Amino acid sequence: MDLRAGGFPDKDPWLMGLTGFETFGTPHLTAMALTLAVPLALAAVGRRLGGSVPVVIARLLAGMLLVNEFTYWTVRISQIGLDGWVRNHLPLHVCGVAVLLTVWTLLFRSEKTFEIAYFWGLVGAANAVLTPGGLAVDFPQYRFFQYFIAHSGIVTGVLFATWGLGMRPTLRGMFRAFGYLCAFAAFVGAVNYLLGSNFMWLSAAPPGTVSPFFAAPWPWYLPILAVVGLTMFFVVLSPFLLSDRWRKRVSAT
């Protein structure tokens, strides 16, 4: 089976006669720009209007992510059957879980889900937005919109929870999120063994990827990904650590 575009089987009817994705083409650059611009704009609107507006925005974002995800599941099942969906499209990739955790965070402001969604979502989804080399179709196909609504939506939701709802990641939360990731990877590895699947790309590198993190052959890229993942967790936390350090310095003077 040829797993393309996030696990699509060969001769997928969605791919017949469609043009491949152009990395850093105009649609891709536009999607990347919107991934940052939208949460900035929504957070600014929420702060300016105040009241219940941030909560309404959070619920709308959560609803968009859920509708996009459930619609995708429904369409994929209709295309490849339930067995194909279970083997290739269960929400067992990092971003698949991050979508659901982001929705829960936006709806209930849960600190526990926020810290996981923040680190898993920002690192995983941002990388997917920057390097979607395995995406098989380009604008204006449905899969293009679904892919970027999901991945850019994770980034947007997490950043809005941070900037618009005032939620904040912590150093302890970072290590907890990494521990949960390792435990989840062990679970997914067992699922892959039972189903012959490749969730979280634990069995093979994603086809067509341009990400340098998969440059080493399997299984050697797995520990590399773990180190890179923890490093990137620290990178997305660093603005808060630097901010705390600056405030302590200012208050001491």
Protein backbone atom coordinates (compact mmCIF):
# COMPACT_ATOMS: atom_id res chain seq x y z
CA MET A 1 0.00 0.00 0.00
CA ASP A 2 1.31 3.42 -0.97
CA LEU A 3 0.63 5.70 1.98
CA ARG A 4 0.61 9.22 0.59
CA ALA A 5 -0.70 12.51 1.97
CA GLY A 6 -0.97 11.30 5.54
CA GLY A 7 -1.85 7.69 4.88
CA PHE A 8 -3.93 7.73 1.67
CA PRO A 9 -3.89 4.35 -0.04
CA ASP A 10 -2.79 3.97 -3.64
CA LYS A 11 -5.46 4.57 -6.31
CA ASP A 12 -7.38 6.74 -3.87
CA PRO A 13 -10.30 8.28 -5.81
CA TRP A 14 -9.47 11.67 -4.31
CA LEU A 15 -6.10 11.63 -6.05
CA MET A 16 -7.18 10.61 -9.53
CA GLY A 17 -6.26 13.33 -12.02
CA LEU A 18 -5.30 15.85 -9.35
CA THR A 19 -2.15 17.95 -9.31
CA GLY A 20 0.37 17.52 -6.52
CA PHE A 21 1.00 20.03 -3.78
CA GLU A 22 3.60 22.74 -4.47
CA THR A 23 5.64 23.43 -1.35
CA PHE A 24 6.06 27.20 -0.84
CA GLY A 25 3.77 27.92 -3.76
CA THR A 26 1.30 30.80 -3.46
CA PRO A 27 -1.46 28.74 -1.75
CA HIS A 28 1.05 27.31 0.73
CA LEU A 29 2.53 30.73 1.55
CA THR A 30 -0.96 32.15 1.97
CA ALA A 31 -1.90 29.35 4.35
CA MET A 32 1.25 29.93 6.40
CA ALA A 33 0.57 33.66 6.62
CA LEU A 34 -3.01 33.09 7.73
CA THR A 35 -1.85 30.58 10.35
CA LEU A 36 -0.16 33.44 12.22
CA ALA A 37 -2.37 36.36 11.20
CA VAL A 38 -5.72 34.81 12.18
CA PRO A 39 -4.92 34.09 15.88
CA LEU A 40 -3.29 37.53 16.20
CA ALA A 41 -6.41 39.19 14.79
CA LEU A 42 -8.81 37.09 16.87
CA ALA A 43 -6.87 37.73 20.07
CA ALA A 44 -6.85 41.48 19.33
CA VAL A 45 -10.60 41.49 18.73
CA GLY A 46 -11.25 39.47 21.86
CA ARG A 47 -9.18 41.76 24.04
CA ARG A 48 -10.62 44.93 22.53
CA LEU A 49 -14.27 43.93 22.87
CA GLY A 50 -13.90 41.92 26.07
CA GLY A 51 -16.87 40.48 27.87
CA SER A 52 -18.05 37.19 26.45
CA VAL A 53 -16.42 37.78 23.04
CA PRO A 54 -13.28 35.67 23.75
CA VAL A 55 -15.48 32.77 24.88
CA VAL A 56 -17.62 33.05 21.74
CA ILE A 57 -14.52 33.10 19.54
CA ALA A 58 -13.13 30.06 21.37
CA ARG A 59 -16.37 28.15 20.84
CA LEU A 60 -16.49 29.06 17.15
CA LEU A 61 -12.91 27.86 16.70
CA ALA A 62 -13.70 24.63 18.52
CA GLY A 63 -16.79 24.11 16.39
CA MET A 64 -14.84 24.70 13.19
CA LEU A 65 -12.22 22.14 14.18
CA LEU A 66 -14.82 19.55 15.14
CA VAL A 67 -16.88 19.99 11.98
CA ASN A 68 -13.75 19.79 9.84
CA GLU A 69 -12.54 16.66 11.63
CA PHE A 70 -15.85 14.78 11.64
CA THR A 71 -16.55 15.70 8.03
CA TYR A 72 -13.14 14.36 7.06
CA TRP A 73 -13.78 11.09 8.89
CA THR A 74 -17.15 10.69 7.21
CA VAL A 75 -15.85 11.38 3.72
CA ARG A 76 -12.82 9.13 4.16
CA ILE A 77 -14.98 6.24 5.38
CA SER A 78 -17.25 6.68 2.37
CA GLN A 79 -14.20 6.59 0.07
CA ILE A 80 -12.08 3.77 1.49
CA GLY A 81 -14.38 1.96 3.90
CA LEU A 82 -14.29 1.60 7.66
CA ASP A 83 -11.39 -0.87 7.61
CA GLY A 84 -9.22 1.50 5.56
CA TRP A 85 -10.10 4.38 7.86
CA VAL A 86 -9.22 2.39 10.98
CA ARG A 87 -5.88 1.33 9.53
CA ASN A 88 -4.85 4.75 8.22
CA HIS A 89 -6.99 7.55 9.62
CA LEU A 90 -7.78 6.97 13.28
CA PRO A 91 -6.87 10.13 15.24
CA LEU A 92 -3.64 8.58 16.49
CA HIS A 93 -1.16 10.94 14.85
CA VAL A 94 0.06 13.74 17.11
CA CYS A 95 -1.98 16.32 15.22
CA GLY A 96 -5.07 14.10 15.25
CA VAL A 97 -4.97 14.04 19.05
CA ALA A 98 -3.98 17.71 19.22
CA VAL A 99 -7.15 18.67 17.33
CA LEU A 100 -9.33 17.04 19.97
CA LEU A 101 -7.28 18.42 22.86
CA THR A 102 -7.40 21.91 21.36
CA VAL A 103 -11.19 21.67 21.05
CA TRP A 104 -11.49 20.58 24.69
CA THR A 105 -9.19 23.40 25.80
CA LEU A 106 -11.15 26.05 23.90
CA LEU A 107 -14.48 24.82 25.25
CA PHE A 108 -13.54 24.21 28.88
CA ARG A 109 -10.26 26.10 29.45
CA SER A 110 -8.69 22.96 30.88
CA GLU A 111 -5.11 23.56 31.95
CA LYS A 112 -4.32 19.85 31.67
CA THR A 113 -5.33 19.61 28.03
CA PHE A 114 -3.91 23.04 27.28
CA GLU A 115 -0.36 22.13 28.22
CA ILE A 116 -0.47 19.05 25.98
CA ALA A 117 -2.18 20.86 23.12
CA TYR A 118 0.26 23.76 23.42
CA PHE A 119 3.41 21.68 23.05
CA TRP A 120 2.12 18.87 20.82
CA GLY A 121 0.00 21.23 18.76
CA LEU A 122 2.42 24.09 18.20
CA VAL A 123 5.38 21.86 17.41
CA GLY A 124 3.57 19.16 15.44
CA ALA A 125 1.02 21.27 13.59
CA ALA A 126 3.44 24.11 12.86
CA ASN A 127 5.84 21.62 11.29
CA ALA A 128 2.96 20.15 9.27
CA VAL A 129 2.03 23.62 8.02
CA LEU A 130 5.62 24.47 7.11
CA THR A 131 6.52 21.15 5.44
CA PRO A 132 3.41 19.41 4.04
CA GLY A 133 5.50 17.60 1.43
CA GLY A 134 3.32 14.48 1.52
CA LEU A 135 0.14 16.38 0.71
CA ALA A 136 -1.07 14.95 -2.59
CA VAL A 137 -3.36 17.75 -3.78
CA ASP A 138 -3.13 21.51 -4.09
CA PHE A 139 -5.56 24.42 -3.94
CA PRO A 140 -8.55 24.43 -4.45
CA GLN A 141 -9.17 20.72 -3.72
CA TYR A 142 -11.11 19.71 -0.59
CA ARG A 143 -8.14 17.90 0.95
CA PHE A 144 -6.06 21.09 0.72
CA PHE A 145 -8.63 23.02 2.75
CA GLN A 146 -9.21 20.16 5.18
CA TYR A 147 -5.48 19.75 5.81
CA PHE A 148 -4.81 23.41 6.56
CA ILE A 149 -8.02 23.98 8.51
CA ALA A 150 -6.96 21.09 10.75
CA HIS A 151 -3.28 21.95 11.19
CA SER A 152 -3.48 25.73 10.99
CA GLY A 153 -6.59 25.46 13.16
CA ILE A 154 -4.59 23.72 15.89
CA VAL A 155 -2.01 26.51 15.87
CA THR A 156 -4.76 29.15 15.79
CA GLY A 157 -6.68 27.51 18.63
CA VAL A 158 -3.63 27.08 20.86
CA LEU A 159 -2.39 30.62 20.24
CA PHE A 160 -5.85 32.06 20.85
CA ALA A 161 -6.08 30.12 24.11
CA THR A 162 -2.75 31.70 25.04
CA TRP A 163 -3.25 35.26 23.77
CA GLY A 164 -7.04 35.54 23.92
CA LEU A 165 -7.96 33.42 26.95
CA GLY A 166 -4.84 34.11 29.02
CA MET A 167 -3.73 30.49 29.40
CA ARG A 168 -0.03 29.89 29.95
CA PRO A 169 2.40 26.99 29.49
CA THR A 170 4.89 26.11 32.24
CA LEU A 171 8.21 24.30 32.49
CA ARG A 172 6.65 21.49 34.50
CA GLY A 173 3.88 21.30 31.94
CA MET A 174 6.47 20.95 29.19
CA PHE A 175 8.03 17.89 30.83
CA ARG A 176 4.61 16.41 31.54
CA ALA A 177 3.63 16.92 27.89
CA PHE A 178 6.83 15.18 26.77
CA GLY A 179 6.21 12.29 29.16
CA TYR A 180 2.67 11.92 27.85
CA LEU A 181 4.03 11.97 24.31
CA CYS A 182 6.47 9.13 25.03
CA ALA A 183 3.74 7.06 26.69
CA PHE A 184 1.35 7.75 23.82
CA ALA A 185 4.02 6.77 21.29
CA ALA A 186 4.46 3.43 23.07
CA PHE A 187 0.71 2.84 22.88
CA VAL A 188 0.56 3.84 19.21
CA GLY A 189 3.52 1.58 18.45
CA ALA A 190 1.51 -1.35 19.77
CA VAL A 191 -1.49 -0.30 17.66
CA ASN A 192 0.74 -0.09 14.59
CA TYR A 193 2.00 -3.60 15.23
CA LEU A 194 -1.54 -4.98 15.55
CA LEU A 195 -3.02 -3.12 12.57
CA GLY A 196 0.01 -2.94 10.27
CA SER A 197 -0.45 0.82 10.27
CA ASN A 198 1.96 3.76 10.51
CA PHE A 199 0.44 6.20 12.97
CA MET A 200 2.83 8.87 14.27
CA TRP A 201 5.19 7.68 11.51
CA LEU A 202 6.66 5.17 13.97
CA SER A 203 6.92 2.40 11.38
CA ALA A 204 8.30 4.43 8.46
CA ALA A 205 8.94 8.03 7.47
CA PRO A 206 5.94 9.89 5.96
CA PRO A 207 6.02 9.49 2.17
CA GLY A 208 7.02 12.60 0.26
CA THR A 209 8.10 14.51 3.35
CA VAL A 210 10.67 17.28 2.97
CA SER A 211 11.27 17.49 6.71
CA PRO A 212 14.96 17.05 7.62
CA PHE A 213 13.94 15.32 10.85
CA PHE A 214 13.29 12.11 8.90
CA ALA A 215 16.63 12.16 7.06
CA ALA A 216 18.00 9.16 8.99
CA PRO A 217 16.70 5.66 8.11
CA TRP A 218 14.20 3.86 10.36
CA PRO A 219 14.46 3.30 13.28
CA TRP A 220 17.26 5.80 13.85
CA TYR A 221 15.10 8.81 13.12
CA LEU A 222 12.89 7.94 16.14
CA PRO A 223 15.37 8.96 18.88
CA ILE A 224 16.31 11.95 16.72
CA LEU A 225 12.65 12.97 16.64
CA ALA A 226 12.44 12.59 20.43
CA VAL A 227 15.41 14.91 20.97
CA VAL A 228 14.17 17.38 18.37
CA GLY A 229 10.70 17.26 19.87
CA LEU A 230 11.88 18.08 23.39
CA THR A 231 14.11 20.83 22.00
CA MET A 232 11.20 22.35 20.10
CA PHE A 233 9.03 22.11 23.21
CA PHE A 234 11.62 24.23 24.98
CA VAL A 235 11.73 26.68 22.07
CA VAL A 236 7.98 27.35 22.17
CA LEU A 237 8.17 27.72 25.95
CA SER A 238 11.20 30.04 25.89
CA PRO A 239 9.26 33.32 25.32
CA PHE A 240 7.48 32.75 28.63
CA LEU A 241 10.69 31.84 30.45
CA LEU A 242 12.40 34.96 29.11
CA SER A 243 9.38 37.08 30.03
CA ASP A 244 9.44 35.76 33.61
CA ARG A 245 13.15 36.42 33.88
CA TRP A 246 12.71 39.96 32.59
CA ARG A 247 9.91 40.70 35.05
CA LYS A 248 11.98 39.42 37.97
CA ARG A 249 14.89 41.60 36.89
CA VAL A 250 12.66 44.66 36.59
CA SER A 251 10.96 44.08 39.94
CA ALA A 252 14.34 43.67 41.63
CA THR A 253 15.61 47.06 40.43
